[in-house]
Amino acid sequence: MTQEFLRLKNLVLGKDYELSLAFVTPSVSRRLNRIYRKLDKPTDVLSFPLSPVSGEIVIDRVTAKKESKKFSMSATKFEKYLFIHGLLHLKGMQHGAKMEKAEKQLLHGSSNNRRN
């Protein structure tokens, strides 16, 4: 995990939270998406809470790179956004305005005023 990802993890979930981050191929993300979400297509990010103090985030970089264009973000910035999205799900947040606001704050706050 990069220093920036580690800092974000600690900010959102705390230092004692055990997090695994895996980068997978589209075929693996598709299989996981089919098993856990009943959707037969690759996905850019999945998060799996394993216990109250541990979880896993899975990112498909190939699918994420394709999706980044829809959000007008570089692949690197979009990957950071997906990581934040997964962290917030592990924290218990659901999709909606509150989650979107938190994502924007963390993404822009984490960029140290740099544009990616």
C-alpha atoms as a PDB file:
ATOM      1  CA  MET A   1       0.000   0.000   0.000  1.00  0.00           C
ATOM      2  CA  THR A   2       1.379   3.405  -0.888  1.00  0.00           C
ATOM      3  CA  GLN A   3       1.989   5.952   1.864  1.00  0.00           C
ATOM      4  CA  GLU A   4      -0.982   7.978   0.597  1.00  0.00           C
ATOM      5  CA  PHE A   5      -3.278   4.949   0.666  1.00  0.00           C
ATOM      6  CA  LEU A   6      -2.044   4.057   4.147  1.00  0.00           C
ATOM      7  CA  ARG A   7      -2.711   7.613   5.332  1.00  0.00           C
ATOM      8  CA  LEU A   8      -6.238   7.485   3.887  1.00  0.00           C
ATOM      9  CA  LYS A   9      -6.880   4.071   5.446  1.00  0.00           C
ATOM     10  CA  ASN A  10      -5.802   5.338   8.860  1.00  0.00           C
ATOM     11  CA  LEU A  11      -7.895   8.494   8.476  1.00  0.00           C
ATOM     12  CA  VAL A  12     -11.086   6.639   7.513  1.00  0.00           C
ATOM     13  CA  LEU A  13     -10.809   3.317   9.373  1.00  0.00           C
ATOM     14  CA  GLY A  14      -8.171   3.916  12.033  1.00  0.00           C
ATOM     15  CA  LYS A  15      -4.652   2.644  12.574  1.00  0.00           C
ATOM     16  CA  ASP A  16      -5.777  -0.619  14.182  1.00  0.00           C
ATOM     17  CA  TYR A  17      -7.942  -1.662  11.241  1.00  0.00           C
ATOM     18  CA  GLU A  18      -6.313  -4.464   9.228  1.00  0.00           C
ATOM     19  CA  LEU A  19      -6.772  -3.863   5.521  1.00  0.00           C
ATOM     20  CA  SER A  20      -5.746  -5.946   2.541  1.00  0.00           C
ATOM     21  CA  LEU A  21      -5.570  -4.312  -0.899  1.00  0.00           C
ATOM     22  CA  ALA A  22      -5.528  -6.529  -3.988  1.00  0.00           C
ATOM     23  CA  PHE A  23      -5.172  -5.541  -7.618  1.00  0.00           C
ATOM     24  CA  VAL A  24      -6.859  -8.091  -9.881  1.00  0.00           C
ATOM     25  CA  THR A  25      -7.513  -8.800 -13.548  1.00  0.00           C
ATOM     26  CA  PRO A  26     -10.881  -8.146 -15.206  1.00  0.00           C
ATOM     27  CA  SER A  27     -11.618 -11.891 -15.223  1.00  0.00           C
ATOM     28  CA  VAL A  28     -11.101 -12.087 -11.457  1.00  0.00           C
ATOM     29  CA  SER A  29     -13.182  -8.959 -10.799  1.00  0.00           C
ATOM     30  CA  ARG A  30     -15.920 -10.368 -13.027  1.00  0.00           C
ATOM     31  CA  ARG A  31     -15.917 -13.668 -11.136  1.00  0.00           C
ATOM     32  CA  LEU A  32     -16.036 -11.904  -7.753  1.00  0.00           C
ATOM     33  CA  ASN A  33     -18.766  -9.551  -8.974  1.00  0.00           C
ATOM     34  CA  ARG A  34     -20.796 -12.511 -10.227  1.00  0.00           C
ATOM     35  CA  ILE A  35     -20.411 -14.415  -6.937  1.00  0.00           C
ATOM     36  CA  TYR A  36     -21.011 -11.550  -4.506  1.00  0.00           C
ATOM     37  CA  ARG A  37     -23.207  -9.106  -6.414  1.00  0.00           C
ATOM     38  CA  LYS A  38     -24.865 -11.386  -8.994  1.00  0.00           C
ATOM     39  CA  LEU A  39     -23.584  -9.127 -11.801  1.00  0.00           C
ATOM     40  CA  ASP A  40     -21.835 -10.892 -14.677  1.00  0.00           C
ATOM     41  CA  LYS A  41     -19.364  -8.162 -15.623  1.00  0.00           C
ATOM     42  CA  PRO A  42     -16.016  -6.879 -14.407  1.00  0.00           C
ATOM     43  CA  THR A  43     -16.123  -4.078 -11.867  1.00  0.00           C
ATOM     44  CA  ASP A  44     -13.584  -1.470 -10.878  1.00  0.00           C
ATOM     45  CA  VAL A  45     -13.736  -1.907  -7.086  1.00  0.00           C
ATOM     46  CA  LEU A  46     -15.171  -4.282  -4.507  1.00  0.00           C
ATOM     47  CA  SER A  47     -14.877  -4.098  -0.743  1.00  0.00           C
ATOM     48  CA  PHE A  48     -15.265  -6.974   1.666  1.00  0.00           C
ATOM     49  CA  PRO A  49     -15.676  -6.453   5.406  1.00  0.00           C
ATOM     50  CA  LEU A  50     -14.144  -9.507   7.068  1.00  0.00           C
ATOM     51  CA  SER A  51     -14.716  -8.493  10.686  1.00  0.00           C
ATOM     52  CA  PRO A  52     -15.385  -5.250  12.582  1.00  0.00           C
ATOM     53  CA  VAL A  53     -11.634  -4.539  12.473  1.00  0.00           C
ATOM     54  CA  SER A  54     -10.549  -6.022   9.137  1.00  0.00           C
ATOM     55  CA  GLY A  55     -11.465  -5.993   5.488  1.00  0.00           C
ATOM     56  CA  GLU A  56     -10.275  -6.176   1.919  1.00  0.00           C
ATOM     57  CA  ILE A  57     -10.498  -3.869  -1.082  1.00  0.00           C
ATOM     58  CA  VAL A  58     -10.120  -5.324  -4.578  1.00  0.00           C
ATOM     59  CA  ILE A  59      -9.364  -3.003  -7.508  1.00  0.00           C
ATOM     60  CA  ASP A  60      -9.380  -4.002 -11.180  1.00  0.00           C
ATOM     61  CA  ARG A  61      -6.934  -1.538 -12.754  1.00  0.00           C
ATOM     62  CA  VAL A  62      -7.904  -2.360 -16.353  1.00  0.00           C
ATOM     63  CA  THR A  63     -11.596  -1.705 -15.738  1.00  0.00           C
ATOM     64  CA  ALA A  64     -10.765   1.306 -13.564  1.00  0.00           C
ATOM     65  CA  LYS A  65      -8.662   2.847 -16.327  1.00  0.00           C
ATOM     66  CA  LYS A  66     -11.587   2.541 -18.756  1.00  0.00           C
ATOM     67  CA  GLU A  67     -14.015   3.991 -16.188  1.00  0.00           C
ATOM     68  CA  SER A  68     -11.713   6.904 -15.311  1.00  0.00           C
ATOM     69  CA  LYS A  69     -12.522   8.589 -18.612  1.00  0.00           C
ATOM     70  CA  LYS A  70     -16.219   8.793 -17.666  1.00  0.00           C
ATOM     71  CA  PHE A  71     -15.242  10.724 -14.548  1.00  0.00           C
ATOM     72  CA  SER A  72     -12.700  12.965 -16.329  1.00  0.00           C
ATOM     73  CA  MET A  73      -9.940  11.763 -14.006  1.00  0.00           C
ATOM     74  CA  SER A  74      -6.505  10.364 -14.655  1.00  0.00           C
ATOM     75  CA  ALA A  75      -6.217   6.635 -14.025  1.00  0.00           C
ATOM     76  CA  THR A  76      -4.080   7.346 -10.949  1.00  0.00           C
ATOM     77  CA  LYS A  77      -6.552   9.788  -9.423  1.00  0.00           C
ATOM     78  CA  PHE A  78      -9.483   7.488 -10.202  1.00  0.00           C
ATOM     79  CA  GLU A  79      -7.691   4.597  -8.500  1.00  0.00           C
ATOM     80  CA  LYS A  80      -7.352   6.777  -5.396  1.00  0.00           C
ATOM     81  CA  TYR A  81     -11.071   7.627  -5.655  1.00  0.00           C
ATOM     82  CA  LEU A  82     -11.939   3.909  -5.868  1.00  0.00           C
ATOM     83  CA  PHE A  83      -9.791   3.178  -2.824  1.00  0.00           C
ATOM     84  CA  ILE A  84     -11.595   5.922  -0.892  1.00  0.00           C
ATOM     85  CA  HIS A  85     -14.946   4.541  -2.102  1.00  0.00           C
ATOM     86  CA  GLY A  86     -14.007   1.094  -0.815  1.00  0.00           C
ATOM     87  CA  LEU A  87     -12.831   2.518   2.531  1.00  0.00           C
ATOM     88  CA  LEU A  88     -16.133   4.301   3.048  1.00  0.00           C
ATOM     89  CA  HIS A  89     -18.074   1.113   2.300  1.00  0.00           C
ATOM     90  CA  LEU A  90     -15.930  -0.728   4.857  1.00  0.00           C
ATOM     91  CA  LYS A  91     -16.788   2.025   7.324  1.00  0.00           C
ATOM     92  CA  GLY A  92     -20.462   1.227   6.696  1.00  0.00           C
ATOM     93  CA  MET A  93     -21.461   4.026   4.335  1.00  0.00           C
ATOM     94  CA  GLN A  94     -23.960   3.406   1.561  1.00  0.00           C
ATOM     95  CA  HIS A  95     -24.206   5.191  -1.786  1.00  0.00           C
ATOM     96  CA  GLY A  96     -25.768   8.630  -1.535  1.00  0.00           C
ATOM     97  CA  ALA A  97     -25.099  12.308  -0.970  1.00  0.00           C
ATOM     98  CA  LYS A  98     -23.288  11.781   2.349  1.00  0.00           C
ATOM     99  CA  MET A  99     -20.891   9.274   0.781  1.00  0.00           C
ATOM    100  CA  GLU A 100     -20.288  11.475  -2.267  1.00  0.00           C
ATOM    101  CA  LYS A 101     -19.457  14.446  -0.049  1.00  0.00           C
ATOM    102  CA  ALA A 102     -17.001  12.356   2.003  1.00  0.00           C
ATOM    103  CA  GLU A 103     -15.391  11.002  -1.185  1.00  0.00           C
ATOM    104  CA  LYS A 104     -14.860  14.504  -2.574  1.00  0.00           C
ATOM    105  CA  GLN A 105     -13.424  15.797   0.698  1.00  0.00           C
ATOM    106  CA  LEU A 106     -10.999  12.881   1.010  1.00  0.00           C
ATOM    107  CA  LEU A 107     -10.011  12.922  -2.651  1.00  0.00           C
ATOM    108  CA  HIS A 108      -9.343  16.641  -2.796  1.00  0.00           C
ATOM    109  CA  GLY A 109      -7.875  16.800   0.675  1.00  0.00           C
ATOM    110  CA  SER A 110      -5.553  13.924  -0.119  1.00  0.00           C
ATOM    111  CA  SER A 111      -4.179  15.496  -3.284  1.00  0.00           C
ATOM    112  CA  ASN A 112      -2.302  18.206  -1.359  1.00  0.00           C
ATOM    113  CA  ASN A 113      -3.611  20.761  -3.859  1.00  0.00           C
ATOM    114  CA  ARG A 114      -1.978  18.930  -6.783  1.00  0.00           C
ATOM    115  CA  ARG A 115      -3.873  18.146  -9.935  1.00  0.00           C
ATOM    116  CA  ASN A 116      -3.507  14.616 -11.297  1.00  0.00           C
END
